[in-house]
Amino acid sequence: MTKLLEDVFSELSKLPEKEQNDFAQLIIEELNWDNSFSNSREALLSLAKEAETEYKTGKTKPFEEL
């Protein structure tokens, strides 16, 4: 574990249990998001290409028109 992470956990350990749990949940959610995002690269690339094709063929509208 890095020194910085040790320092963070040391500071977090001084907080009330509820706040510690809130921070822990945020960390878990962030880790899950990173994993989900990194595992969905191909799907995101496919969606981006689809969106680009729709834009180039005039099938999209500006947000102001929605």
PDB file of N, CA and C in Angstrom:
ATOM      1  N   MET A   1       0.855  -1.176   0.000  1.00  0.00           N
ATOM      2  CA  MET A   1       0.000   0.000   0.000  1.00  0.00           C
ATOM      3  C   MET A   1       0.897   1.233   0.000  1.00  0.00           C
ATOM      4  N   THR A   2       0.512   2.227  -0.764  1.00  0.00           N
ATOM      5  CA  THR A   2       1.310   3.440  -0.832  1.00  0.00           C
ATOM      6  C   THR A   2       1.149   4.271   0.434  1.00  0.00           C
ATOM      7  N   LYS A   3       2.094   5.158   0.640  1.00  0.00           N
ATOM      8  CA  LYS A   3       2.061   6.062   1.804  1.00  0.00           C
ATOM      9  C   LYS A   3       0.825   6.956   1.735  1.00  0.00           C
ATOM     10  N   LEU A   4       0.536   7.440   0.551  1.00  0.00           N
ATOM     11  CA  LEU A   4      -0.629   8.313   0.399  1.00  0.00           C
ATOM     12  C   LEU A   4      -1.914   7.581   0.776  1.00  0.00           C
ATOM     13  N   LEU A   5      -2.059   6.353   0.301  1.00  0.00           N
ATOM     14  CA  LEU A   5      -3.258   5.593   0.639  1.00  0.00           C
ATOM     15  C   LEU A   5      -3.323   5.291   2.134  1.00  0.00           C
ATOM     16  N   GLU A   6      -2.186   4.987   2.734  1.00  0.00           N
ATOM     17  CA  GLU A   6      -2.145   4.780   4.188  1.00  0.00           C
ATOM     18  C   GLU A   6      -2.592   6.033   4.918  1.00  0.00           C
ATOM     19  N   ASP A   7      -2.124   7.205   4.454  1.00  0.00           N
ATOM     20  CA  ASP A   7      -2.518   8.477   5.077  1.00  0.00           C
ATOM     21  C   ASP A   7      -4.016   8.713   4.957  1.00  0.00           C
ATOM     22  N   VAL A   8      -4.564   8.405   3.785  1.00  0.00           N
ATOM     23  CA  VAL A   8      -6.001   8.588   3.569  1.00  0.00           C
ATOM     24  C   VAL A   8      -6.796   7.693   4.513  1.00  0.00           C
ATOM     25  N   PHE A   9      -6.403   6.408   4.580  1.00  0.00           N
ATOM     26  CA  PHE A   9      -7.117   5.496   5.472  1.00  0.00           C
ATOM     27  C   PHE A   9      -6.969   5.908   6.933  1.00  0.00           C
ATOM     28  N   SER A  10      -5.831   6.441   7.271  1.00  0.00           N
ATOM     29  CA  SER A  10      -5.632   6.909   8.642  1.00  0.00           C
ATOM     30  C   SER A  10      -6.601   8.046   8.970  1.00  0.00           C
ATOM     31  N   GLU A  11      -6.730   8.974   8.037  1.00  0.00           N
ATOM     32  CA  GLU A  11      -7.657  10.095   8.244  1.00  0.00           C
ATOM     33  C   GLU A  11      -9.108   9.616   8.257  1.00  0.00           C
ATOM     34  N   LEU A  12      -9.439   8.695   7.354  1.00  0.00           N
ATOM     35  CA  LEU A  12     -10.802   8.171   7.312  1.00  0.00           C
ATOM     36  C   LEU A  12     -11.166   7.433   8.595  1.00  0.00           C
ATOM     37  N   SER A  13     -10.194   6.784   9.195  1.00  0.00           N
ATOM     38  CA  SER A  13     -10.472   6.019  10.416  1.00  0.00           C
ATOM     39  C   SER A  13     -10.871   6.921  11.583  1.00  0.00           C
ATOM     40  N   LYS A  14     -10.634   8.211  11.467  1.00  0.00           N
ATOM     41  CA  LYS A  14     -11.000   9.165  12.517  1.00  0.00           C
ATOM     42  C   LYS A  14     -12.455   9.621  12.397  1.00  0.00           C
ATOM     43  N   LEU A  15     -13.078   9.305  11.275  1.00  0.00           N
ATOM     44  CA  LEU A  15     -14.453   9.733  11.037  1.00  0.00           C
ATOM     45  C   LEU A  15     -15.436   8.791  11.723  1.00  0.00           C
ATOM     46  N   PRO A  16     -16.664   9.260  11.939  1.00  0.00           N
ATOM     47  CA  PRO A  16     -17.708   8.375  12.472  1.00  0.00           C
ATOM     48  C   PRO A  16     -17.960   7.209  11.506  1.00  0.00           C
ATOM     49  N   GLU A  17     -18.476   6.123  12.036  1.00  0.00           N
ATOM     50  CA  GLU A  17     -18.681   4.902  11.248  1.00  0.00           C
ATOM     51  C   GLU A  17     -19.513   5.153   9.989  1.00  0.00           C
ATOM     52  N   LYS A  18     -20.567   5.930  10.104  1.00  0.00           N
ATOM     53  CA  LYS A  18     -21.434   6.207   8.944  1.00  0.00           C
ATOM     54  C   LYS A  18     -20.633   6.855   7.825  1.00  0.00           C
ATOM     55  N   GLU A  19     -19.814   7.828   8.155  1.00  0.00           N
ATOM     56  CA  GLU A  19     -19.018   8.508   7.128  1.00  0.00           C
ATOM     57  C   GLU A  19     -17.958   7.573   6.542  1.00  0.00           C
ATOM     58  N   GLN A  20     -17.373   6.730   7.383  1.00  0.00           N
ATOM     59  CA  GLN A  20     -16.412   5.748   6.874  1.00  0.00           C
ATOM     60  C   GLN A  20     -17.088   4.833   5.860  1.00  0.00           C
ATOM     61  N   ASN A  21     -18.291   4.375   6.194  1.00  0.00           N
ATOM     62  CA  ASN A  21     -19.024   3.502   5.278  1.00  0.00           C
ATOM     63  C   ASN A  21     -19.393   4.220   3.983  1.00  0.00           C
ATOM     64  N   ASP A  22     -19.744   5.494   4.092  1.00  0.00           N
ATOM     65  CA  ASP A  22     -20.062   6.272   2.894  1.00  0.00           C
ATOM     66  C   ASP A  22     -18.842   6.359   1.969  1.00  0.00           C
ATOM     67  N   PHE A  23     -17.684   6.641   2.544  1.00  0.00           N
ATOM     68  CA  PHE A  23     -16.462   6.699   1.743  1.00  0.00           C
ATOM     69  C   PHE A  23     -16.126   5.332   1.151  1.00  0.00           C
ATOM     70  N   ALA A  24     -16.289   4.301   1.930  1.00  0.00           N
ATOM     71  CA  ALA A  24     -16.014   2.955   1.437  1.00  0.00           C
ATOM     72  C   ALA A  24     -16.916   2.625   0.249  1.00  0.00           C
ATOM     73  N   GLN A  25     -18.181   2.998   0.346  1.00  0.00           N
ATOM     74  CA  GLN A  25     -19.115   2.744  -0.747  1.00  0.00           C
ATOM     75  C   GLN A  25     -18.715   3.512  -2.002  1.00  0.00           C
ATOM     76  N   LEU A  26     -18.275   4.758  -1.830  1.00  0.00           N
ATOM     77  CA  LEU A  26     -17.815   5.545  -2.979  1.00  0.00           C
ATOM     78  C   LEU A  26     -16.617   4.882  -3.664  1.00  0.00           C
ATOM     79  N   ILE A  27     -15.697   4.378  -2.872  1.00  0.00           N
ATOM     80  CA  ILE A  27     -14.518   3.718  -3.425  1.00  0.00           C
ATOM     81  C   ILE A  27     -14.929   2.458  -4.184  1.00  0.00           C
ATOM     82  N   ILE A  28     -15.815   1.671  -3.590  1.00  0.00           N
ATOM     83  CA  ILE A  28     -16.294   0.451  -4.252  1.00  0.00           C
ATOM     84  C   ILE A  28     -16.982   0.790  -5.572  1.00  0.00           C
ATOM     85  N   GLU A  29     -17.832   1.792  -5.563  1.00  0.00           N
ATOM     86  CA  GLU A  29     -18.533   2.194  -6.786  1.00  0.00           C
ATOM     87  C   GLU A  29     -17.547   2.666  -7.845  1.00  0.00           C
ATOM     88  N   GLU A  30     -16.541   3.412  -7.444  1.00  0.00           N
ATOM     89  CA  GLU A  30     -15.533   3.898  -8.391  1.00  0.00           C
ATOM     90  C   GLU A  30     -14.761   2.731  -9.001  1.00  0.00           C
ATOM     91  N   LEU A  31     -14.378   1.771  -8.173  1.00  0.00           N
ATOM     92  CA  LEU A  31     -13.663   0.599  -8.683  1.00  0.00           C
ATOM     93  C   LEU A  31     -14.541  -0.199  -9.638  1.00  0.00           C
ATOM     94  N   ASN A  32     -15.808  -0.361  -9.289  1.00  0.00           N
ATOM     95  CA  ASN A  32     -16.734  -1.082 -10.169  1.00  0.00           C
ATOM     96  C   ASN A  32     -16.924  -0.345 -11.483  1.00  0.00           C
ATOM     97  N   TRP A  33     -17.016   0.983 -11.430  1.00  0.00           N
ATOM     98  CA  TRP A  33     -17.170   1.778 -12.649  1.00  0.00           C
ATOM     99  C   TRP A  33     -15.945   1.610 -13.537  1.00  0.00           C
ATOM    100  N   ASP A  34     -14.764   1.705 -12.936  1.00  0.00           N
ATOM    101  CA  ASP A  34     -13.542   1.543 -13.722  1.00  0.00           C
ATOM    102  C   ASP A  34     -13.497   0.183 -14.397  1.00  0.00           C
ATOM    103  N   ASN A  35     -13.865  -0.865 -13.670  1.00  0.00           N
ATOM    104  CA  ASN A  35     -13.878  -2.213 -14.248  1.00  0.00           C
ATOM    105  C   ASN A  35     -14.921  -2.322 -15.352  1.00  0.00           C
ATOM    106  N   SER A  36     -16.102  -1.794 -15.109  1.00  0.00           N
ATOM    107  CA  SER A  36     -17.164  -1.857 -16.112  1.00  0.00           C
ATOM    108  C   SER A  36     -16.762  -1.091 -17.359  1.00  0.00           C
ATOM    109  N   PHE A  37     -16.189   0.077 -17.166  1.00  0.00           N
ATOM    110  CA  PHE A  37     -15.790   0.914 -18.288  1.00  0.00           C
ATOM    111  C   PHE A  37     -14.691   0.243 -19.107  1.00  0.00           C
ATOM    112  N   SER A  38     -13.692  -0.310 -18.437  1.00  0.00           N
ATOM    113  CA  SER A  38     -12.587  -0.926 -19.161  1.00  0.00           C
ATOM    114  C   SER A  38     -13.023  -2.199 -19.874  1.00  0.00           C
ATOM    115  N   ASN A  39     -14.049  -2.872 -19.359  1.00  0.00           N
ATOM    116  CA  ASN A  39     -14.538  -4.097 -19.991  1.00  0.00           C
ATOM    117  C   ASN A  39     -15.535  -3.833 -21.112  1.00  0.00           C
ATOM    118  N   SER A  40     -15.914  -2.590 -21.304  1.00  0.00           N
ATOM    119  CA  SER A  40     -16.931  -2.273 -22.310  1.00  0.00           C
ATOM    120  C   SER A  40     -16.366  -1.487 -23.485  1.00  0.00           C
ATOM    121  N   ARG A  41     -15.071  -1.525 -23.653  1.00  0.00           N
ATOM    122  CA  ARG A  41     -14.422  -0.741 -24.713  1.00  0.00           C
ATOM    123  C   ARG A  41     -15.020  -1.029 -26.087  1.00  0.00           C
ATOM    124  N   GLU A  42     -15.171  -2.293 -26.435  1.00  0.00           N
ATOM    125  CA  GLU A  42     -15.696  -2.649 -27.756  1.00  0.00           C
ATOM    126  C   GLU A  42     -17.135  -2.170 -27.938  1.00  0.00           C
ATOM    127  N   ALA A  43     -17.946  -2.327 -26.907  1.00  0.00           N
ATOM    128  CA  ALA A  43     -19.333  -1.874 -26.993  1.00  0.00           C
ATOM    129  C   ALA A  43     -19.395  -0.359 -27.159  1.00  0.00           C
ATOM    130  N   LEU A  44     -18.564   0.362 -26.421  1.00  0.00           N
ATOM    131  CA  LEU A  44     -18.549   1.823 -26.537  1.00  0.00           C
ATOM    132  C   LEU A  44     -18.060   2.267 -27.913  1.00  0.00           C
ATOM    133  N   LEU A  45     -17.066   1.576 -28.435  1.00  0.00           N
ATOM    134  CA  LEU A  45     -16.562   1.894 -29.770  1.00  0.00           C
ATOM    135  C   LEU A  45     -17.650   1.682 -30.818  1.00  0.00           C
ATOM    136  N   SER A  46     -18.388   0.601 -30.692  1.00  0.00           N
ATOM    137  CA  SER A  46     -19.481   0.315 -31.616  1.00  0.00           C
ATOM    138  C   SER A  46     -20.561   1.397 -31.537  1.00  0.00           C
ATOM    139  N   LEU A  47     -20.918   1.802 -30.322  1.00  0.00           N
ATOM    140  CA  LEU A  47     -21.920   2.859 -30.154  1.00  0.00           C
ATOM    141  C   LEU A  47     -21.438   4.186 -30.730  1.00  0.00           C
ATOM    142  N   ALA A  48     -20.166   4.484 -30.549  1.00  0.00           N
ATOM    143  CA  ALA A  48     -19.610   5.730 -31.083  1.00  0.00           C
ATOM    144  C   ALA A  48     -19.651   5.730 -32.607  1.00  0.00           C
ATOM    145  N   LYS A  49     -19.305   4.609 -33.221  1.00  0.00           N
ATOM    146  CA  LYS A  49     -19.352   4.509 -34.684  1.00  0.00           C
ATOM    147  C   LYS A  49     -20.783   4.642 -35.187  1.00  0.00           C
ATOM    148  N   GLU A  50     -21.714   4.024 -34.477  1.00  0.00           N
ATOM    149  CA  GLU A  50     -23.128   4.128 -34.847  1.00  0.00           C
ATOM    150  C   GLU A  50     -23.602   5.579 -34.754  1.00  0.00           C
ATOM    151  N   ALA A  51     -23.223   6.264 -33.686  1.00  0.00           N
ATOM    152  CA  ALA A  51     -23.613   7.667 -33.514  1.00  0.00           C
ATOM    153  C   ALA A  51     -22.999   8.537 -34.605  1.00  0.00           C
ATOM    154  N   GLU A  52     -21.760   8.270 -34.946  1.00  0.00           N
ATOM    155  CA  GLU A  52     -21.095   9.038 -36.008  1.00  0.00           C
ATOM    156  C   GLU A  52     -21.808   8.836 -37.345  1.00  0.00           C
ATOM    157  N   THR A  53     -22.187   7.603 -37.636  1.00  0.00           N
ATOM    158  CA  THR A  53     -22.900   7.308 -38.881  1.00  0.00           C
ATOM    159  C   THR A  53     -24.242   8.025 -38.908  1.00  0.00           C
ATOM    160  N   GLU A  54     -24.964   7.984 -37.803  1.00  0.00           N
ATOM    161  CA  GLU A  54     -26.252   8.679 -37.737  1.00  0.00           C
ATOM    162  C   GLU A  54     -26.077  10.177 -37.914  1.00  0.00           C
ATOM    163  N   TYR A  55     -25.029  10.738 -37.325  1.00  0.00           N
ATOM    164  CA  TYR A  55     -24.766  12.179 -37.478  1.00  0.00           C
ATOM    165  C   TYR A  55     -24.480  12.517 -38.941  1.00  0.00           C
ATOM    166  N   LYS A  56     -23.612  11.728 -39.567  1.00  0.00           N
ATOM    167  CA  LYS A  56     -23.216  12.006 -40.951  1.00  0.00           C
ATOM    168  C   LYS A  56     -24.362  11.830 -41.932  1.00  0.00           C
ATOM    169  N   THR A  57     -25.335  11.001 -41.606  1.00  0.00           N
ATOM    170  CA  THR A  57     -26.475  10.783 -42.504  1.00  0.00           C
ATOM    171  C   THR A  57     -27.678  11.650 -42.140  1.00  0.00           C
ATOM    172  N   GLY A  58     -27.482  12.588 -41.223  1.00  0.00           N
ATOM    173  CA  GLY A  58     -28.537  13.538 -40.879  1.00  0.00           C
ATOM    174  C   GLY A  58     -29.655  12.976 -40.014  1.00  0.00           C
ATOM    175  N   LYS A  59     -29.396  11.898 -39.313  1.00  0.00           N
ATOM    176  CA  LYS A  59     -30.424  11.286 -38.481  1.00  0.00           C
ATOM    177  C   LYS A  59     -30.422  11.813 -37.043  1.00  0.00           C
ATOM    178  N   THR A  60     -29.619  12.804 -36.749  1.00  0.00           N
ATOM    179  CA  THR A  60     -29.555  13.349 -35.387  1.00  0.00           C
ATOM    180  C   THR A  60     -30.084  14.763 -35.383  1.00  0.00           C
ATOM    181  N   LYS A  61     -30.432  15.235 -34.190  1.00  0.00           N
ATOM    182  CA  LYS A  61     -30.910  16.595 -33.991  1.00  0.00           C
ATOM    183  C   LYS A  61     -30.113  17.240 -32.873  1.00  0.00           C
ATOM    184  N   PRO A  62     -29.958  18.563 -32.922  1.00  0.00           N
ATOM    185  CA  PRO A  62     -29.324  19.254 -31.798  1.00  0.00           C
ATOM    186  C   PRO A  62     -30.180  19.111 -30.531  1.00  0.00           C
ATOM    187  N   PHE A  63     -29.558  19.150 -29.377  1.00  0.00           N
ATOM    188  CA  PHE A  63     -30.301  19.014 -28.127  1.00  0.00           C
ATOM    189  C   PHE A  63     -31.424  20.051 -28.012  1.00  0.00           C
ATOM    190  N   GLU A  64     -31.181  21.227 -28.528  1.00  0.00           N
ATOM    191  CA  GLU A  64     -32.185  22.298 -28.439  1.00  0.00           C
ATOM    192  C   GLU A  64     -33.485  21.915 -29.130  1.00  0.00           C
ATOM    193  N   GLU A  65     -33.424  21.000 -30.088  1.00  0.00           N
ATOM    194  CA  GLU A  65     -34.617  20.606 -30.831  1.00  0.00           C
ATOM    195  C   GLU A  65     -35.331  19.404 -30.223  1.00  0.00           C
ATOM    196  N   LEU A  66     -34.769  18.824 -29.181  1.00  0.00           N
ATOM    197  CA  LEU A  66     -35.401  17.648 -28.582  1.00  0.00           C
ATOM    198  C   LEU A  66     -36.458  18.038 -27.583  1.00  0.00           C
TER     199      LEU A  66
END
